[in-house]
Structures are given as C-alpha cells and as structure tokens.
C-alpha cells in the first residue's frame, strides 16, 4: 500500500534528499502503523510531538490504510 508522509520543520531532515517539498509517498506493508512508518525513516519515536492521520490527530499505533496521509511536527514553542 502507498501512504504519504509529510514532515515539518526540523523533522524534514529525515526525508531522502529527492523528496518533493517536505513530502514522500512510501510503500508500506499491510497492517503497518504510524510507528513503523517512522521507523522506516529512522525518525526517533520521541521526535514527532504532533501527529496527524488524514488531518485528524493520531497516535503512533494507528494502523495505516492505502492512500492515508500522515503529517508530523516536532515540538512547537513560541511566545
């Protein structure tokens, strides 16, 4: 199955250099989770603090389906 991974800010460094913008379509096995998607790109599990699956807040153990879109943000700070 194919899923889209979109990484923001400091997490972009985990995508291959030929990724368009901050996005990469990825082939994953059926039953894969967001956690296994992050592991595929060697993203430390504590690095993404905000995770979305198809625009809705998600947990790392969510099971992915073909065509899903995963977005991840690092910790956000500001004033």
PDB file of N, CA and C in Angstrom:
ATOM      1  N   UNK A   1       0.848  -1.177   0.000  1.00  0.00           N
ATOM      2  CA  UNK A   1       0.000   0.000   0.000  1.00  0.00           C
ATOM      3  C   UNK A   1       0.889   1.233   0.000  1.00  0.00           C
ATOM      4  N   UNK A   2       0.333   2.331  -0.476  1.00  0.00           N
ATOM      5  CA  UNK A   2       1.074   3.599  -0.513  1.00  0.00           C
ATOM      6  C   UNK A   2       0.470   4.584   0.475  1.00  0.00           C
ATOM      7  N   UNK A   3       1.347   5.223   1.249  1.00  0.00           N
ATOM      8  CA  UNK A   3       0.914   6.280   2.163  1.00  0.00           C
ATOM      9  C   UNK A   3       1.812   7.491   1.955  1.00  0.00           C
ATOM     10  N   UNK A   4       1.279   8.649   2.272  1.00  0.00           N
ATOM     11  CA  UNK A   4       2.044   9.882   2.149  1.00  0.00           C
ATOM     12  C   UNK A   4       2.577  10.280   3.519  1.00  0.00           C
ATOM     13  N   UNK A   5       3.856  10.586   3.585  1.00  0.00           N
ATOM     14  CA  UNK A   5       4.473  11.094   4.810  1.00  0.00           C
ATOM     15  C   UNK A   5       4.889  12.528   4.558  1.00  0.00           C
ATOM     16  N   UNK A   6       4.418  13.419   5.416  1.00  0.00           N
ATOM     17  CA  UNK A   6       4.757  14.839   5.317  1.00  0.00           C
ATOM     18  C   UNK A   6       5.377  15.252   6.646  1.00  0.00           C
ATOM     19  N   UNK A   7       6.635  15.696   6.591  1.00  0.00           N
ATOM     20  CA  UNK A   7       7.360  16.091   7.798  1.00  0.00           C
ATOM     21  C   UNK A   7       7.613  17.590   7.774  1.00  0.00           C
ATOM     22  N   UNK A   8       7.458  18.219   8.922  1.00  0.00           N
ATOM     23  CA  UNK A   8       7.578  19.667   9.018  1.00  0.00           C
ATOM     24  C   UNK A   8       8.765  20.074   9.880  1.00  0.00           C
ATOM     25  N   UNK A   9       9.242  21.296   9.599  1.00  0.00           N
ATOM     26  CA  UNK A   9      10.312  21.938  10.374  1.00  0.00           C
ATOM     27  C   UNK A   9      11.533  21.028  10.487  1.00  0.00           C
ATOM     28  N   UNK A  10      12.039  20.832  11.689  1.00  0.00           N
ATOM     29  CA  UNK A  10      13.289  20.079  11.871  1.00  0.00           C
ATOM     30  C   UNK A  10      13.162  18.597  11.526  1.00  0.00           C
ATOM     31  N   UNK A  11      11.959  18.076  11.373  1.00  0.00           N
ATOM     32  CA  UNK A  11      11.790  16.660  11.015  1.00  0.00           C
ATOM     33  C   UNK A  11      12.073  16.398   9.538  1.00  0.00           C
ATOM     34  N   UNK A  12      12.078  17.436   8.710  1.00  0.00           N
ATOM     35  CA  UNK A  12      12.312  17.258   7.279  1.00  0.00           C
ATOM     36  C   UNK A  12      13.641  16.581   6.978  1.00  0.00           C
ATOM     37  N   UNK A  13      14.598  16.712   7.861  1.00  0.00           N
ATOM     38  CA  UNK A  13      15.927  16.133   7.623  1.00  0.00           C
ATOM     39  C   UNK A  13      15.891  14.607   7.523  1.00  0.00           C
ATOM     40  N   UNK A  14      14.817  13.973   7.963  1.00  0.00           N
ATOM     41  CA  UNK A  14      14.718  12.514   7.903  1.00  0.00           C
ATOM     42  C   UNK A  14      14.223  12.008   6.550  1.00  0.00           C
ATOM     43  N   UNK A  15      13.764  12.913   5.683  1.00  0.00           N
ATOM     44  CA  UNK A  15      13.326  12.508   4.351  1.00  0.00           C
ATOM     45  C   UNK A  15      14.524  12.426   3.411  1.00  0.00           C
ATOM     46  N   UNK A  16      14.477  11.523   2.421  1.00  0.00           N
ATOM     47  CA  UNK A  16      15.552  11.459   1.428  1.00  0.00           C
ATOM     48  C   UNK A  16      15.669  12.787   0.684  1.00  0.00           C
ATOM     49  N   UNK A  17      16.853  13.080   0.196  1.00  0.00           N
ATOM     50  CA  UNK A  17      17.116  14.348  -0.474  1.00  0.00           C
ATOM     51  C   UNK A  17      16.280  14.601  -1.714  1.00  0.00           C
ATOM     52  N   UNK A  18      15.785  13.548  -2.352  1.00  0.00           N
ATOM     53  CA  UNK A  18      14.997  13.735  -3.573  1.00  0.00           C
ATOM     54  C   UNK A  18      13.500  13.869  -3.297  1.00  0.00           C
ATOM     55  N   UNK A  19      13.120  14.064  -2.052  1.00  0.00           N
ATOM     56  CA  UNK A  19      11.706  14.223  -1.696  1.00  0.00           C
ATOM     57  C   UNK A  19      11.218  15.596  -2.140  1.00  0.00           C
ATOM     58  N   UNK A  20      10.030  15.630  -2.720  1.00  0.00           N
ATOM     59  CA  UNK A  20       9.446  16.894  -3.156  1.00  0.00           C
ATOM     60  C   UNK A  20       8.933  17.652  -1.939  1.00  0.00           C
ATOM     61  N   UNK A  21       9.377  18.894  -1.808  1.00  0.00           N
ATOM     62  CA  UNK A  21       8.996  19.715  -0.657  1.00  0.00           C
ATOM     63  C   UNK A  21       9.310  18.954   0.630  1.00  0.00           C
ATOM     64  N   UNK A  22       8.322  18.742   1.445  1.00  0.00           N
ATOM     65  CA  UNK A  22       8.516  18.020   2.710  1.00  0.00           C
ATOM     66  C   UNK A  22       7.703  16.728   2.707  1.00  0.00           C
ATOM     67  N   UNK A  23       7.494  16.176   1.499  1.00  0.00           N
ATOM     68  CA  UNK A  23       6.572  15.052   1.333  1.00  0.00           C
ATOM     69  C   UNK A  23       7.226  13.877   0.620  1.00  0.00           C
ATOM     70  N   UNK A  24       6.806  12.675   1.007  1.00  0.00           N
ATOM     71  CA  UNK A  24       7.290  11.451   0.358  1.00  0.00           C
ATOM     72  C   UNK A  24       6.170  10.417   0.360  1.00  0.00           C
ATOM     73  N   UNK A  25       5.879   9.830  -0.799  1.00  0.00           N
ATOM     74  CA  UNK A  25       4.970   8.691  -0.878  1.00  0.00           C
ATOM     75  C   UNK A  25       5.786   7.447  -0.611  1.00  0.00           C
ATOM     76  N   UNK A  26       5.260   6.561   0.220  1.00  0.00           N
ATOM     77  CA  UNK A  26       6.017   5.415   0.721  1.00  0.00           C
ATOM     78  C   UNK A  26       5.214   4.137   0.522  1.00  0.00           C
ATOM     79  N   UNK A  27       5.889   3.075   0.088  1.00  0.00           N
ATOM     80  CA  UNK A  27       5.275   1.745   0.029  1.00  0.00           C
ATOM     81  C   UNK A  27       5.426   1.103   1.406  1.00  0.00           C
ATOM     82  N   UNK A  28       4.322   0.647   1.972  1.00  0.00           N
ATOM     83  CA  UNK A  28       4.325   0.005   3.283  1.00  0.00           C
ATOM     84  C   UNK A  28       3.569  -1.312   3.190  1.00  0.00           C
ATOM     85  N   UNK A  29       3.873  -2.219   4.103  1.00  0.00           N
ATOM     86  CA  UNK A  29       3.171  -3.500   4.186  1.00  0.00           C
ATOM     87  C   UNK A  29       1.785  -3.290   4.790  1.00  0.00           C
ATOM     88  N   UNK A  30       0.834  -4.137   4.406  1.00  0.00           N
ATOM     89  CA  UNK A  30      -0.485  -4.101   5.029  1.00  0.00           C
ATOM     90  C   UNK A  30      -0.325  -4.290   6.539  1.00  0.00           C
ATOM     91  N   UNK A  31      -1.109  -3.577   7.313  1.00  0.00           N
ATOM     92  CA  UNK A  31      -1.033  -3.667   8.766  1.00  0.00           C
ATOM     93  C   UNK A  31       0.014  -2.764   9.387  1.00  0.00           C
ATOM     94  N   UNK A  32       0.735  -1.991   8.559  1.00  0.00           N
ATOM     95  CA  UNK A  32       1.753  -1.075   9.082  1.00  0.00           C
ATOM     96  C   UNK A  32       1.092   0.009   9.930  1.00  0.00           C
ATOM     97  N   UNK A  33       1.846   0.511  10.883  1.00  0.00           N
ATOM     98  CA  UNK A  33       1.369   1.577  11.765  1.00  0.00           C
ATOM     99  C   UNK A  33       2.170   2.849  11.520  1.00  0.00           C
ATOM    100  N   UNK A  34       1.726   3.929  12.115  1.00  0.00           N
ATOM    101  CA  UNK A  34       2.496   5.172  12.048  1.00  0.00           C
ATOM    102  C   UNK A  34       3.874   4.942  12.656  1.00  0.00           C
ATOM    103  N   UNK A  35       3.939   4.179  13.725  1.00  0.00           N
ATOM    104  CA  UNK A  35       5.222   3.867  14.361  1.00  0.00           C
ATOM    105  C   UNK A  35       6.170   3.191  13.362  1.00  0.00           C
ATOM    106  N   UNK A  36       5.685   2.207  12.625  1.00  0.00           N
ATOM    107  CA  UNK A  36       6.554   1.505  11.671  1.00  0.00           C
ATOM    108  C   UNK A  36       6.948   2.417  10.511  1.00  0.00           C
ATOM    109  N   UNK A  37       6.090   3.355  10.150  1.00  0.00           N
ATOM    110  CA  UNK A  37       6.437   4.344   9.127  1.00  0.00           C
ATOM    111  C   UNK A  37       7.592   5.213   9.618  1.00  0.00           C
ATOM    112  N   UNK A  38       7.516   5.691  10.860  1.00  0.00           N
ATOM    113  CA  UNK A  38       8.604   6.486  11.423  1.00  0.00           C
ATOM    114  C   UNK A  38       9.890   5.668  11.507  1.00  0.00           C
ATOM    115  N   UNK A  39       9.779   4.415  11.898  1.00  0.00           N
ATOM    116  CA  UNK A  39      10.963   3.557  11.995  1.00  0.00           C
ATOM    117  C   UNK A  39      11.621   3.369  10.637  1.00  0.00           C
ATOM    118  N   UNK A  40      10.829   3.281   9.581  1.00  0.00           N
ATOM    119  CA  UNK A  40      11.368   3.105   8.223  1.00  0.00           C
ATOM    120  C   UNK A  40      12.294   4.259   7.852  1.00  0.00           C
ATOM    121  N   UNK A  41      12.001   5.459   8.345  1.00  0.00           N
ATOM    122  CA  UNK A  41      12.813   6.635   8.050  1.00  0.00           C
ATOM    123  C   UNK A  41      13.770   6.983   9.189  1.00  0.00           C
ATOM    124  N   UNK A  42      13.900   6.092  10.146  1.00  0.00           N
ATOM    125  CA  UNK A  42      14.793   6.269  11.299  1.00  0.00           C
ATOM    126  C   UNK A  42      14.500   7.568  12.055  1.00  0.00           C
ATOM    127  N   UNK A  43      13.221   7.865  12.176  1.00  0.00           N
ATOM    128  CA  UNK A  43      12.793   9.031  12.942  1.00  0.00           C
ATOM    129  C   UNK A  43      12.669   8.596  14.395  1.00  0.00           C
ATOM    130  N   UNK A  44      13.421   9.213  15.309  1.00  0.00           N
ATOM    131  CA  UNK A  44      13.290   8.840  16.723  1.00  0.00           C
ATOM    132  C   UNK A  44      11.830   8.977  17.163  1.00  0.00           C
ATOM    133  N   UNK A  45      11.348   7.997  17.892  1.00  0.00           N
ATOM    134  CA  UNK A  45       9.929   7.983  18.244  1.00  0.00           C
ATOM    135  C   UNK A  45       9.506   9.163  19.105  1.00  0.00           C
ATOM    136  N   UNK A  46      10.457   9.799  19.796  1.00  0.00           N
ATOM    137  CA  UNK A  46      10.094  10.952  20.620  1.00  0.00           C
ATOM    138  C   UNK A  46      10.211  12.272  19.859  1.00  0.00           C
ATOM    139  N   UNK A  47      10.672  12.249  18.607  1.00  0.00           N
ATOM    140  CA  UNK A  47      10.860  13.486  17.843  1.00  0.00           C
ATOM    141  C   UNK A  47       9.534  14.104  17.388  1.00  0.00           C
ATOM    142  N   UNK A  48       8.632  13.342  16.767  1.00  0.00           N
ATOM    143  CA  UNK A  48       7.346  13.943  16.391  1.00  0.00           C
ATOM    144  C   UNK A  48       6.453  14.102  17.625  1.00  0.00           C
ATOM    145  N   UNK A  49       6.027  15.320  17.892  1.00  0.00           N
ATOM    146  CA  UNK A  49       5.164  15.569  19.057  1.00  0.00           C
ATOM    147  C   UNK A  49       3.705  15.718  18.656  1.00  0.00           C
ATOM    148  N   UNK A  50       3.467  16.170  17.428  1.00  0.00           N
ATOM    149  CA  UNK A  50       2.108  16.320  16.922  1.00  0.00           C
ATOM    150  C   UNK A  50       2.010  15.487  15.652  1.00  0.00           C
ATOM    151  N   UNK A  51       1.069  14.544  15.630  1.00  0.00           N
ATOM    152  CA  UNK A  51       0.923  13.627  14.500  1.00  0.00           C
ATOM    153  C   UNK A  51      -0.521  13.687  14.012  1.00  0.00           C
ATOM    154  N   UNK A  52      -0.675  13.801  12.693  1.00  0.00           N
ATOM    155  CA  UNK A  52      -1.993  13.796  12.078  1.00  0.00           C
ATOM    156  C   UNK A  52      -2.101  12.647  11.092  1.00  0.00           C
ATOM    157  N   UNK A  53      -3.256  12.016  11.052  1.00  0.00           N
ATOM    158  CA  UNK A  53      -3.578  10.991  10.063  1.00  0.00           C
ATOM    159  C   UNK A  53      -4.816  11.476   9.325  1.00  0.00           C
ATOM    160  N   UNK A  54      -4.637  11.793   8.044  1.00  0.00           N
ATOM    161  CA  UNK A  54      -5.735  12.332   7.231  1.00  0.00           C
ATOM    162  C   UNK A  54      -6.363  13.562   7.883  1.00  0.00           C
ATOM    163  N   UNK A  55      -5.502  14.415   8.458  1.00  0.00           N
ATOM    164  CA  UNK A  55      -5.950  15.673   9.038  1.00  0.00           C
ATOM    165  C   UNK A  55      -6.508  15.599  10.443  1.00  0.00           C
ATOM    166  N   UNK A  56      -6.478  14.414  11.050  1.00  0.00           N
ATOM    167  CA  UNK A  56      -7.016  14.227  12.405  1.00  0.00           C
ATOM    168  C   UNK A  56      -5.893  13.772  13.329  1.00  0.00           C
ATOM    169  N   UNK A  57      -5.845  14.344  14.532  1.00  0.00           N
ATOM    170  CA  UNK A  57      -4.808  13.977  15.496  1.00  0.00           C
ATOM    171  C   UNK A  57      -4.770  12.465  15.661  1.00  0.00           C
ATOM    172  N   UNK A  58      -3.556  11.879  15.670  1.00  0.00           N
ATOM    173  CA  UNK A  58      -3.425  10.415  15.702  1.00  0.00           C
ATOM    174  C   UNK A  58      -2.328   9.984  16.666  1.00  0.00           C
ATOM    175  N   UNK A  59      -2.392   8.706  17.037  1.00  0.00           N
ATOM    176  CA  UNK A  59      -1.363   8.088  17.880  1.00  0.00           C
ATOM    177  C   UNK A  59      -0.449   7.238  17.002  1.00  0.00           C
ATOM    178  N   UNK A  60       0.719   6.913  17.527  1.00  0.00           N
ATOM    179  CA  UNK A  60       1.704   6.134  16.776  1.00  0.00           C
ATOM    180  C   UNK A  60       1.235   4.717  16.449  1.00  0.00           C
ATOM    181  N   UNK A  61       0.301   4.176  17.214  1.00  0.00           N
ATOM    182  CA  UNK A  61      -0.136   2.796  16.984  1.00  0.00           C
ATOM    183  C   UNK A  61      -1.316   2.687  16.014  1.00  0.00           C
ATOM    184  N   UNK A  62      -1.703   3.790  15.387  1.00  0.00           N
ATOM    185  CA  UNK A  62      -2.785   3.757  14.393  1.00  0.00           C
ATOM    186  C   UNK A  62      -2.347   2.917  13.195  1.00  0.00           C
ATOM    187  N   UNK A  63      -3.223   2.034  12.727  1.00  0.00           N
ATOM    188  CA  UNK A  63      -2.939   1.203  11.554  1.00  0.00           C
ATOM    189  C   UNK A  63      -3.245   2.010  10.295  1.00  0.00           C
ATOM    190  N   UNK A  64      -2.319   1.965   9.346  1.00  0.00           N
ATOM    191  CA  UNK A  64      -2.445   2.726   8.110  1.00  0.00           C
ATOM    192  C   UNK A  64      -3.217   1.942   7.052  1.00  0.00           C
ATOM    193  N   UNK A  65      -3.861   2.704   6.150  1.00  0.00           N
ATOM    194  CA  UNK A  65      -4.563   2.125   5.012  1.00  0.00           C
ATOM    195  C   UNK A  65      -4.026   2.775   3.736  1.00  0.00           C
ATOM    196  N   UNK A  66      -4.222   2.110   2.623  1.00  0.00           N
ATOM    197  CA  UNK A  66      -3.764   2.633   1.344  1.00  0.00           C
ATOM    198  C   UNK A  66      -4.316   4.043   1.117  1.00  0.00           C
ATOM    199  N   UNK A  67      -3.432   4.962   0.741  1.00  0.00           N
ATOM    200  CA  UNK A  67      -3.829   6.334   0.462  1.00  0.00           C
ATOM    201  C   UNK A  67      -3.835   7.256   1.660  1.00  0.00           C
ATOM    202  N   UNK A  68      -3.550   6.737   2.855  1.00  0.00           N
ATOM    203  CA  UNK A  68      -3.511   7.584   4.050  1.00  0.00           C
ATOM    204  C   UNK A  68      -2.425   8.644   3.922  1.00  0.00           C
ATOM    205  N   UNK A  69      -2.643   9.746   4.631  1.00  0.00           N
ATOM    206  CA  UNK A  69      -1.681  10.851   4.665  1.00  0.00           C
ATOM    207  C   UNK A  69      -1.309  11.118   6.120  1.00  0.00           C
ATOM    208  N   UNK A  70      -0.019  11.001   6.402  1.00  0.00           N
ATOM    209  CA  UNK A  70       0.499  11.201   7.756  1.00  0.00           C
ATOM    210  C   UNK A  70       1.324  12.483   7.769  1.00  0.00           C
ATOM    211  N   UNK A  71       1.057  13.344   8.728  1.00  0.00           N
ATOM    212  CA  UNK A  71       1.836  14.555   8.926  1.00  0.00           C
ATOM    213  C   UNK A  71       2.402  14.564  10.330  1.00  0.00           C
ATOM    214  N   UNK A  72       3.639  15.056  10.474  1.00  0.00           N
ATOM    215  CA  UNK A  72       4.270  15.076  11.798  1.00  0.00           C
ATOM    216  C   UNK A  72       5.017  16.389  12.007  1.00  0.00           C
ATOM    217  N   UNK A  73       4.870  16.918  13.225  1.00  0.00           N
ATOM    218  CA  UNK A  73       5.524  18.157  13.632  1.00  0.00           C
ATOM    219  C   UNK A  73       6.413  17.890  14.838  1.00  0.00           C
ATOM    220  N   UNK A  74       7.549  18.588  14.930  1.00  0.00           N
ATOM    221  CA  UNK A  74       8.374  18.499  16.137  1.00  0.00           C
ATOM    222  C   UNK A  74       7.732  19.343  17.241  1.00  0.00           C
ATOM    223  N   UNK A  75       8.347  19.381  18.424  1.00  0.00           N
ATOM    224  CA  UNK A  75       7.820  20.257  19.475  1.00  0.00           C
ATOM    225  C   UNK A  75       7.724  21.697  18.964  1.00  0.00           C
ATOM    226  N   UNK A  76       6.671  22.375  19.353  1.00  0.00           N
ATOM    227  CA  UNK A  76       6.442  23.744  18.912  1.00  0.00           C
ATOM    228  C   UNK A  76       6.565  24.659  20.122  1.00  0.00           C
ATOM    229  N   UNK A  77       7.300  25.741  19.942  1.00  0.00           N
ATOM    230  CA  UNK A  77       7.468  26.708  21.026  1.00  0.00           C
ATOM    231  C   UNK A  77       7.272  28.106  20.459  1.00  0.00           C
ATOM    232  N   UNK A  78       6.986  29.005  21.295  1.00  0.00           N
ATOM    233  CA  UNK A  78       6.815  30.372  20.828  1.00  0.00           C
ATOM    234  C   UNK A  78       6.382  31.268  21.964  1.00  0.00           C
ATOM    235  N   UNK A  79       6.192  32.499  21.622  1.00  0.00           N
ATOM    236  CA  UNK A  79       5.809  33.422  22.664  1.00  0.00           C
ATOM    237  C   UNK A  79       4.800  34.404  22.209  1.00  0.00           C
TER     238      UNK A  79
END
